[in-house]
N, C-alpha and C. Protein backbone atom coordinates (compact mmCIF):
# COMPACT_ATOMS: atom_id res chain seq x y z
N UNK A 1 -56.06 -45.79 -81.03
CA UNK A 1 -55.40 -44.59 -80.56
C UNK A 1 -53.92 -44.67 -80.96
N UNK A 2 -53.44 -43.62 -81.62
CA UNK A 2 -52.03 -43.60 -82.00
C UNK A 2 -51.18 -43.30 -80.77
N UNK A 3 -49.89 -43.53 -80.92
CA UNK A 3 -48.97 -43.28 -79.81
C UNK A 3 -48.95 -41.80 -79.44
N UNK A 4 -49.01 -40.95 -80.45
CA UNK A 4 -49.01 -39.51 -80.18
C UNK A 4 -50.28 -39.11 -79.42
N UNK A 5 -51.42 -39.67 -79.79
CA UNK A 5 -52.67 -39.38 -79.07
C UNK A 5 -52.57 -39.87 -77.63
N UNK A 6 -51.92 -41.02 -77.44
CA UNK A 6 -51.74 -41.55 -76.08
C UNK A 6 -50.86 -40.62 -75.25
N UNK A 7 -49.81 -40.08 -75.88
CA UNK A 7 -48.95 -39.12 -75.17
C UNK A 7 -49.74 -37.90 -74.74
N UNK A 8 -50.58 -37.37 -75.64
CA UNK A 8 -51.41 -36.21 -75.30
C UNK A 8 -52.37 -36.54 -74.16
N UNK A 9 -52.99 -37.70 -74.23
CA UNK A 9 -53.93 -38.12 -73.20
C UNK A 9 -53.23 -38.26 -71.85
N UNK A 10 -52.05 -38.89 -71.86
CA UNK A 10 -51.30 -39.07 -70.62
C UNK A 10 -50.79 -37.74 -70.07
N UNK A 11 -50.49 -36.80 -70.95
CA UNK A 11 -50.10 -35.46 -70.50
C UNK A 11 -51.25 -34.81 -69.74
N UNK A 12 -52.44 -34.90 -70.30
CA UNK A 12 -53.62 -34.34 -69.63
C UNK A 12 -53.83 -35.00 -68.27
N UNK A 13 -53.70 -36.33 -68.23
CA UNK A 13 -53.86 -37.05 -66.97
C UNK A 13 -52.79 -36.64 -65.96
N UNK A 14 -51.56 -36.46 -66.42
CA UNK A 14 -50.47 -36.04 -65.55
C UNK A 14 -50.70 -34.65 -64.99
N UNK A 15 -51.25 -33.76 -65.82
CA UNK A 15 -51.54 -32.41 -65.36
C UNK A 15 -52.64 -32.43 -64.29
N UNK A 16 -53.65 -33.24 -64.53
CA UNK A 16 -54.75 -33.35 -63.56
C UNK A 16 -54.25 -33.91 -62.23
N UNK A 17 -53.31 -34.86 -62.31
CA UNK A 17 -52.79 -35.49 -61.10
C UNK A 17 -51.67 -34.66 -60.46
N UNK A 18 -51.32 -33.55 -61.10
CA UNK A 18 -50.24 -32.67 -60.63
C UNK A 18 -48.91 -33.43 -60.51
N UNK A 19 -48.68 -34.32 -61.48
CA UNK A 19 -47.44 -35.10 -61.54
C UNK A 19 -46.44 -34.29 -62.37
N UNK A 20 -45.60 -33.53 -61.69
CA UNK A 20 -44.69 -32.60 -62.36
C UNK A 20 -43.71 -33.32 -63.28
N UNK A 21 -43.15 -34.42 -62.82
CA UNK A 21 -42.17 -35.16 -63.62
C UNK A 21 -42.79 -35.67 -64.92
N UNK A 22 -43.90 -36.35 -64.82
CA UNK A 22 -44.57 -36.90 -66.01
C UNK A 22 -45.00 -35.77 -66.95
N UNK A 23 -45.55 -34.72 -66.40
CA UNK A 23 -46.01 -33.60 -67.22
C UNK A 23 -44.85 -32.95 -67.97
N UNK A 24 -43.76 -32.68 -67.28
CA UNK A 24 -42.61 -32.03 -67.92
C UNK A 24 -41.99 -32.95 -68.97
N UNK A 25 -41.89 -34.23 -68.67
CA UNK A 25 -41.29 -35.17 -69.61
C UNK A 25 -42.15 -35.32 -70.86
N UNK A 26 -43.46 -35.44 -70.68
CA UNK A 26 -44.34 -35.59 -71.84
C UNK A 26 -44.39 -34.31 -72.67
N UNK A 27 -44.33 -33.17 -72.02
CA UNK A 27 -44.27 -31.91 -72.79
C UNK A 27 -43.01 -31.87 -73.64
N UNK A 28 -41.88 -32.27 -73.05
CA UNK A 28 -40.62 -32.31 -73.79
C UNK A 28 -40.73 -33.27 -74.97
N UNK A 29 -41.31 -34.43 -74.76
CA UNK A 29 -41.43 -35.42 -75.83
C UNK A 29 -42.35 -34.91 -76.94
N UNK A 30 -43.46 -34.30 -76.57
CA UNK A 30 -44.38 -33.78 -77.58
C UNK A 30 -43.76 -32.62 -78.36
N UNK A 31 -42.94 -31.83 -77.69
CA UNK A 31 -42.23 -30.75 -78.39
C UNK A 31 -41.26 -31.33 -79.41
N UNK A 32 -40.55 -32.38 -79.03
CA UNK A 32 -39.62 -33.04 -79.95
C UNK A 32 -40.38 -33.62 -81.15
N UNK A 33 -41.56 -34.17 -80.90
CA UNK A 33 -42.37 -34.72 -81.98
C UNK A 33 -42.84 -33.61 -82.92
N UNK A 34 -43.28 -32.49 -82.35
CA UNK A 34 -43.72 -31.37 -83.17
C UNK A 34 -42.57 -30.83 -84.01
N UNK A 35 -41.41 -30.71 -83.41
CA UNK A 35 -40.23 -30.24 -84.15
C UNK A 35 -39.92 -31.18 -85.31
N UNK A 36 -40.05 -32.46 -85.09
CA UNK A 36 -39.79 -33.45 -86.14
C UNK A 36 -40.84 -33.32 -87.25
N UNK A 37 -42.08 -33.07 -86.87
CA UNK A 37 -43.16 -32.96 -87.86
C UNK A 37 -42.98 -31.75 -88.77
N UNK A 38 -42.47 -30.66 -88.24
CA UNK A 38 -42.35 -29.44 -89.05
C UNK A 38 -40.95 -29.28 -89.66
N UNK A 39 -40.05 -30.21 -89.37
CA UNK A 39 -38.71 -30.16 -89.96
C UNK A 39 -38.82 -30.47 -91.45
N UNK A 40 -37.97 -29.85 -92.23
CA UNK A 40 -38.01 -30.07 -93.68
C UNK A 40 -38.87 -29.03 -94.36
N UNK A 41 -39.18 -29.28 -95.61
CA UNK A 41 -39.91 -28.29 -96.41
C UNK A 41 -41.42 -28.36 -96.23
N UNK A 42 -41.93 -29.55 -95.88
CA UNK A 42 -43.37 -29.72 -95.76
C UNK A 42 -43.69 -30.36 -94.41
N UNK A 43 -44.63 -29.78 -93.68
CA UNK A 43 -45.06 -30.37 -92.41
C UNK A 43 -45.79 -31.68 -92.70
N UNK A 44 -45.64 -32.64 -91.79
CA UNK A 44 -46.27 -33.94 -91.99
C UNK A 44 -46.66 -34.53 -90.65
N UNK A 45 -47.51 -35.54 -90.71
CA UNK A 45 -47.93 -36.26 -89.51
C UNK A 45 -47.01 -37.48 -89.37
N UNK A 46 -46.47 -37.70 -88.18
CA UNK A 46 -45.56 -38.82 -87.95
C UNK A 46 -46.33 -40.12 -87.75
N UNK A 47 -45.79 -41.20 -88.28
CA UNK A 47 -46.36 -42.53 -88.03
C UNK A 47 -45.92 -42.97 -86.63
N UNK A 48 -46.53 -44.05 -86.14
CA UNK A 48 -46.15 -44.56 -84.82
C UNK A 48 -44.68 -44.97 -84.79
N UNK A 49 -44.18 -45.55 -85.89
CA UNK A 49 -42.76 -45.95 -85.93
C UNK A 49 -41.85 -44.73 -85.84
N UNK A 50 -42.23 -43.64 -86.50
CA UNK A 50 -41.44 -42.42 -86.43
C UNK A 50 -41.51 -41.81 -85.04
N UNK A 51 -42.66 -41.89 -84.40
CA UNK A 51 -42.81 -41.39 -83.03
C UNK A 51 -41.91 -42.18 -82.10
N UNK A 52 -41.86 -43.50 -82.26
CA UNK A 52 -41.00 -44.34 -81.44
C UNK A 52 -39.54 -43.95 -81.66
N UNK A 53 -39.16 -43.68 -82.91
CA UNK A 53 -37.77 -43.29 -83.20
C UNK A 53 -37.41 -41.99 -82.50
N UNK A 54 -38.31 -41.03 -82.49
CA UNK A 54 -38.06 -39.75 -81.80
C UNK A 54 -37.95 -40.00 -80.30
N UNK A 55 -38.84 -40.81 -79.74
CA UNK A 55 -38.79 -41.10 -78.31
C UNK A 55 -37.50 -41.84 -77.95
N UNK A 56 -37.01 -42.70 -78.83
CA UNK A 56 -35.75 -43.39 -78.57
C UNK A 56 -34.59 -42.41 -78.56
N UNK A 57 -34.61 -41.43 -79.45
CA UNK A 57 -33.56 -40.40 -79.45
C UNK A 57 -33.59 -39.61 -78.15
N UNK A 58 -34.79 -39.27 -77.70
CA UNK A 58 -34.93 -38.52 -76.45
C UNK A 58 -34.46 -39.36 -75.26
N UNK A 59 -34.76 -40.66 -75.28
CA UNK A 59 -34.32 -41.55 -74.21
C UNK A 59 -32.79 -41.65 -74.20
N UNK A 60 -32.21 -41.72 -75.38
CA UNK A 60 -30.75 -41.79 -75.47
C UNK A 60 -30.13 -40.52 -74.89
N UNK A 61 -30.73 -39.38 -75.16
CA UNK A 61 -30.23 -38.11 -74.60
C UNK A 61 -30.26 -38.17 -73.08
N UNK A 62 -31.33 -38.73 -72.52
CA UNK A 62 -31.45 -38.82 -71.06
C UNK A 62 -30.38 -39.74 -70.47
N UNK A 63 -30.12 -40.87 -71.14
CA UNK A 63 -29.07 -41.78 -70.66
C UNK A 63 -27.71 -41.08 -70.69
N UNK A 64 -27.41 -40.41 -71.78
CA UNK A 64 -26.12 -39.72 -71.91
C UNK A 64 -25.99 -38.59 -70.90
N UNK A 65 -27.07 -37.84 -70.69
CA UNK A 65 -27.04 -36.75 -69.72
C UNK A 65 -26.83 -37.27 -68.31
N UNK A 66 -27.51 -38.35 -67.97
CA UNK A 66 -27.36 -38.93 -66.63
C UNK A 66 -25.91 -39.36 -66.41
N UNK A 67 -25.30 -39.96 -67.43
CA UNK A 67 -23.91 -40.37 -67.32
C UNK A 67 -23.00 -39.15 -67.15
N UNK A 68 -23.26 -38.10 -67.91
CA UNK A 68 -22.44 -36.88 -67.80
C UNK A 68 -22.58 -36.26 -66.42
N UNK A 69 -23.80 -36.24 -65.89
CA UNK A 69 -24.00 -35.69 -64.54
C UNK A 69 -23.32 -36.55 -63.48
N UNK A 70 -23.35 -37.86 -63.66
CA UNK A 70 -22.64 -38.74 -62.73
C UNK A 70 -21.14 -38.45 -62.76
N UNK A 71 -20.60 -38.29 -63.97
CA UNK A 71 -19.17 -38.01 -64.11
C UNK A 71 -18.81 -36.67 -63.49
N UNK A 72 -19.76 -35.72 -63.51
CA UNK A 72 -19.50 -34.38 -62.96
C UNK A 72 -19.86 -34.31 -61.47
N UNK A 73 -20.17 -35.46 -60.88
CA UNK A 73 -20.52 -35.53 -59.45
C UNK A 73 -21.76 -34.68 -59.13
N UNK A 74 -22.80 -34.81 -59.99
CA UNK A 74 -24.07 -34.11 -59.79
C UNK A 74 -25.20 -35.13 -59.71
N UNK A 75 -25.25 -35.92 -58.63
CA UNK A 75 -26.21 -37.02 -58.55
C UNK A 75 -27.68 -36.59 -58.61
N UNK A 76 -27.99 -35.38 -58.09
CA UNK A 76 -29.39 -34.95 -58.10
C UNK A 76 -29.88 -34.72 -59.53
N UNK A 77 -29.02 -34.17 -60.39
CA UNK A 77 -29.40 -33.96 -61.79
C UNK A 77 -29.43 -35.28 -62.55
N UNK A 78 -28.51 -36.17 -62.24
CA UNK A 78 -28.49 -37.49 -62.87
C UNK A 78 -29.77 -38.25 -62.53
N UNK A 79 -30.20 -38.13 -61.29
CA UNK A 79 -31.42 -38.82 -60.86
C UNK A 79 -32.64 -38.30 -61.61
N UNK A 80 -32.71 -37.00 -61.84
CA UNK A 80 -33.81 -36.40 -62.60
C UNK A 80 -33.82 -36.94 -64.03
N UNK A 81 -32.65 -37.02 -64.65
CA UNK A 81 -32.56 -37.54 -66.02
C UNK A 81 -33.02 -39.00 -66.07
N UNK A 82 -32.64 -39.78 -65.07
CA UNK A 82 -33.06 -41.19 -65.03
C UNK A 82 -34.57 -41.31 -64.80
N UNK A 83 -35.13 -40.42 -64.02
CA UNK A 83 -36.58 -40.44 -63.80
C UNK A 83 -37.31 -40.11 -65.11
N UNK A 84 -36.79 -39.13 -65.85
CA UNK A 84 -37.39 -38.79 -67.15
C UNK A 84 -37.26 -39.98 -68.11
N UNK A 85 -36.11 -40.64 -68.07
CA UNK A 85 -35.90 -41.82 -68.90
C UNK A 85 -36.93 -42.89 -68.57
N UNK A 86 -37.21 -43.07 -67.29
CA UNK A 86 -38.21 -44.06 -66.88
C UNK A 86 -39.58 -43.76 -67.46
N UNK A 87 -39.95 -42.48 -67.50
CA UNK A 87 -41.24 -42.10 -68.08
C UNK A 87 -41.24 -42.41 -69.57
N UNK A 88 -40.16 -42.06 -70.27
CA UNK A 88 -40.09 -42.29 -71.72
C UNK A 88 -40.11 -43.79 -72.04
N UNK A 89 -39.47 -44.59 -71.22
CA UNK A 89 -39.39 -46.03 -71.49
C UNK A 89 -40.76 -46.71 -71.45
N UNK A 90 -41.73 -46.10 -70.76
CA UNK A 90 -43.06 -46.70 -70.73
C UNK A 90 -43.73 -46.64 -72.10
N UNK A 91 -43.24 -45.79 -73.00
CA UNK A 91 -43.82 -45.64 -74.33
C UNK A 91 -43.00 -46.35 -75.41
N UNK A 92 -41.87 -46.91 -75.03
CA UNK A 92 -41.00 -47.57 -75.99
C UNK A 92 -41.22 -49.08 -75.96
N UNK A 93 -40.96 -49.75 -77.09
CA UNK A 93 -41.08 -51.21 -77.08
C UNK A 93 -40.03 -51.82 -76.15
N UNK A 94 -40.32 -53.00 -75.67
CA UNK A 94 -39.40 -53.67 -74.75
C UNK A 94 -38.06 -53.92 -75.45
N UNK A 95 -36.99 -53.78 -74.69
CA UNK A 95 -35.65 -54.00 -75.24
C UNK A 95 -35.46 -55.48 -75.55
N UNK A 96 -34.70 -55.75 -76.60
CA UNK A 96 -34.42 -57.12 -77.00
C UNK A 96 -33.51 -57.79 -75.96
N UNK A 97 -33.80 -59.02 -75.67
CA UNK A 97 -32.98 -59.78 -74.71
C UNK A 97 -31.60 -60.02 -75.29
N UNK A 98 -30.60 -60.12 -74.41
CA UNK A 98 -29.22 -60.34 -74.84
C UNK A 98 -29.08 -61.61 -75.68
N UNK A 99 -29.77 -62.67 -75.28
CA UNK A 99 -29.67 -63.94 -75.99
C UNK A 99 -30.19 -63.79 -77.42
N UNK A 100 -31.31 -63.06 -77.59
CA UNK A 100 -31.88 -62.86 -78.92
C UNK A 100 -30.93 -62.05 -79.80
N UNK A 101 -30.35 -61.00 -79.23
CA UNK A 101 -29.41 -60.17 -79.97
C UNK A 101 -28.19 -61.00 -80.38
N UNK A 102 -27.67 -61.80 -79.46
CA UNK A 102 -26.51 -62.64 -79.76
C UNK A 102 -26.82 -63.61 -80.90
N UNK A 103 -28.00 -64.21 -80.89
CA UNK A 103 -28.38 -65.15 -81.94
C UNK A 103 -28.47 -64.46 -83.30
N UNK A 104 -29.07 -63.28 -83.34
CA UNK A 104 -29.20 -62.55 -84.60
C UNK A 104 -27.83 -62.16 -85.14
N UNK A 105 -26.95 -61.68 -84.26
CA UNK A 105 -25.61 -61.27 -84.68
C UNK A 105 -24.81 -62.48 -85.14
N UNK A 106 -24.92 -63.61 -84.46
CA UNK A 106 -24.21 -64.83 -84.85
C UNK A 106 -24.60 -65.25 -86.26
N UNK A 107 -25.88 -65.21 -86.55
CA UNK A 107 -26.37 -65.56 -87.89
C UNK A 107 -25.84 -64.59 -88.93
N UNK A 108 -25.86 -63.30 -88.62
CA UNK A 108 -25.38 -62.28 -89.55
C UNK A 108 -23.88 -62.40 -89.79
N UNK A 109 -23.11 -62.70 -88.75
CA UNK A 109 -21.66 -62.88 -88.89
C UNK A 109 -21.38 -64.05 -89.82
N UNK A 110 -22.09 -65.15 -89.63
CA UNK A 110 -21.90 -66.32 -90.48
C UNK A 110 -22.24 -65.99 -91.93
N UNK A 111 -23.31 -65.26 -92.13
CA UNK A 111 -23.72 -64.88 -93.49
C UNK A 111 -22.69 -63.95 -94.13
N UNK A 112 -22.20 -62.97 -93.38
CA UNK A 112 -21.20 -62.03 -93.91
C UNK A 112 -19.90 -62.77 -94.26
N UNK A 113 -19.50 -63.70 -93.43
CA UNK A 113 -18.27 -64.46 -93.71
C UNK A 113 -18.47 -65.35 -94.94
N UNK A 114 -19.67 -65.89 -95.12
CA UNK A 114 -19.95 -66.71 -96.30
C UNK A 114 -19.87 -65.86 -97.57
N UNK A 115 -20.18 -64.58 -97.44
CA UNK A 115 -20.10 -63.66 -98.59
C UNK A 115 -18.69 -63.11 -98.77
N UNK A 116 -17.75 -63.49 -97.92
CA UNK A 116 -16.37 -63.10 -98.08
C UNK A 116 -15.90 -61.92 -97.25
N UNK A 117 -16.73 -61.40 -96.36
CA UNK A 117 -16.33 -60.26 -95.53
C UNK A 117 -15.55 -60.78 -94.33
N UNK A 118 -14.35 -60.26 -94.14
CA UNK A 118 -13.50 -60.68 -93.03
C UNK A 118 -12.92 -59.47 -92.32
N UNK A 119 -12.55 -59.64 -91.07
CA UNK A 119 -11.88 -58.59 -90.30
C UNK A 119 -12.74 -57.36 -90.10
N UNK A 120 -12.09 -56.20 -90.00
CA UNK A 120 -12.82 -54.96 -89.75
C UNK A 120 -13.82 -54.63 -90.86
N UNK A 121 -13.54 -55.08 -92.07
CA UNK A 121 -14.44 -54.82 -93.19
C UNK A 121 -15.80 -55.50 -92.98
N UNK A 122 -15.80 -56.57 -92.23
CA UNK A 122 -17.04 -57.31 -91.99
C UNK A 122 -17.99 -56.54 -91.08
N UNK A 123 -17.46 -55.62 -90.30
CA UNK A 123 -18.30 -54.86 -89.35
C UNK A 123 -19.48 -54.21 -90.07
N UNK A 124 -19.20 -53.50 -91.15
CA UNK A 124 -20.26 -52.82 -91.91
C UNK A 124 -21.25 -53.79 -92.50
N UNK A 125 -20.74 -54.89 -93.04
CA UNK A 125 -21.62 -55.89 -93.65
C UNK A 125 -22.56 -56.50 -92.62
N UNK A 126 -22.02 -56.82 -91.44
CA UNK A 126 -22.84 -57.43 -90.39
C UNK A 126 -23.86 -56.42 -89.87
N UNK A 127 -23.42 -55.19 -89.64
CA UNK A 127 -24.35 -54.16 -89.15
C UNK A 127 -25.48 -53.94 -90.14
N UNK A 128 -25.17 -53.99 -91.42
CA UNK A 128 -26.18 -53.80 -92.46
C UNK A 128 -27.25 -54.91 -92.39
N UNK A 129 -26.82 -56.11 -92.05
CA UNK A 129 -27.74 -57.23 -91.93
C UNK A 129 -28.55 -57.19 -90.62
N UNK A 130 -27.89 -56.77 -89.55
CA UNK A 130 -28.51 -56.83 -88.22
C UNK A 130 -29.46 -55.65 -87.95
N UNK A 131 -29.09 -54.46 -88.39
CA UNK A 131 -29.83 -53.26 -88.03
C UNK A 131 -31.33 -53.35 -88.33
N UNK A 132 -31.76 -53.78 -89.53
CA UNK A 132 -33.21 -53.85 -89.77
C UNK A 132 -33.93 -54.85 -88.86
N UNK A 133 -33.23 -55.89 -88.44
CA UNK A 133 -33.85 -56.92 -87.60
C UNK A 133 -34.07 -56.47 -86.16
N UNK A 134 -33.23 -55.54 -85.69
CA UNK A 134 -33.30 -55.12 -84.29
C UNK A 134 -33.81 -53.69 -84.14
N UNK A 135 -34.24 -53.08 -85.23
CA UNK A 135 -34.68 -51.68 -85.19
C UNK A 135 -35.75 -51.48 -84.12
N UNK A 136 -35.52 -50.52 -83.26
CA UNK A 136 -36.48 -50.20 -82.21
C UNK A 136 -36.41 -51.10 -80.99
N UNK A 137 -35.60 -52.15 -81.04
CA UNK A 137 -35.55 -53.09 -79.93
C UNK A 137 -34.20 -53.14 -79.24
N UNK A 138 -33.16 -52.64 -79.93
CA UNK A 138 -31.82 -52.63 -79.34
C UNK A 138 -31.11 -51.36 -79.78
N UNK A 139 -30.41 -50.75 -78.84
CA UNK A 139 -29.67 -49.53 -79.12
C UNK A 139 -28.47 -49.84 -80.02
N UNK A 140 -28.16 -48.93 -80.91
CA UNK A 140 -27.08 -49.13 -81.87
C UNK A 140 -25.74 -49.45 -81.23
N UNK A 141 -25.40 -48.78 -80.15
CA UNK A 141 -24.13 -49.03 -79.47
C UNK A 141 -24.05 -50.43 -78.91
N UNK A 142 -25.16 -50.91 -78.39
CA UNK A 142 -25.21 -52.27 -77.85
C UNK A 142 -25.04 -53.30 -78.97
N UNK A 143 -25.67 -53.03 -80.12
CA UNK A 143 -25.56 -53.93 -81.27
C UNK A 143 -24.12 -53.94 -81.77
N UNK A 144 -23.53 -52.75 -81.93
CA UNK A 144 -22.16 -52.64 -82.43
C UNK A 144 -21.18 -53.35 -81.51
N UNK A 145 -21.38 -53.24 -80.21
CA UNK A 145 -20.49 -53.90 -79.25
C UNK A 145 -20.57 -55.42 -79.41
N UNK A 146 -21.77 -55.94 -79.60
CA UNK A 146 -21.94 -57.38 -79.79
C UNK A 146 -21.29 -57.83 -81.10
N UNK A 147 -21.46 -57.04 -82.16
CA UNK A 147 -20.85 -57.39 -83.45
C UNK A 147 -19.33 -57.40 -83.32
N UNK A 148 -18.77 -56.35 -82.69
CA UNK A 148 -17.30 -56.29 -82.51
C UNK A 148 -16.79 -57.50 -81.73
N UNK A 149 -17.53 -57.85 -80.67
CA UNK A 149 -17.12 -58.98 -79.83
C UNK A 149 -17.12 -60.27 -80.62
N UNK A 150 -18.15 -60.49 -81.44
CA UNK A 150 -18.24 -61.74 -82.19
C UNK A 150 -17.25 -61.78 -83.36
N UNK A 151 -16.89 -60.62 -83.87
CA UNK A 151 -15.89 -60.56 -84.94
C UNK A 151 -14.46 -60.59 -84.40
N UNK A 152 -14.34 -60.46 -83.08
CA UNK A 152 -13.03 -60.48 -82.45
C UNK A 152 -12.28 -59.16 -82.64
N UNK A 153 -13.01 -58.05 -82.80
CA UNK A 153 -12.40 -56.74 -83.02
C UNK A 153 -12.20 -55.95 -81.73
N UNK A 154 -12.78 -56.41 -80.64
CA UNK A 154 -12.66 -55.63 -79.40
C UNK A 154 -11.55 -56.12 -78.51
């Protein structure tokens, strides 16, 4: 069963159970997937990796929205966004542990320095090395913060 088929199945189950939060969140996710499939000149079927990428974008939107609602003193809306995020996270791969991310970045920093990249210029070189290794397991902002910290740029 593909991830998209699982989303459809869980949507049906959520509707039967009258779980409004799960139903609304899965409908939103499936709409985002459909929009991604028909974007561009030719409609296509998304692979599981592409589905995960779309779900990660949707999860990031929920995190940012919750933060914005918190800043605007709207806790009830922030709580709804966090609840939707919780539903989406059940379909995403587990986040990479901090220790694993630190080890990968340390190796990449050493490699970039061996190739002659120093200072702020090294940021791009390190990110280029790290990004494929952590794809789908660590958010870009978290990775960039770790790279900056290890390069002494923060």
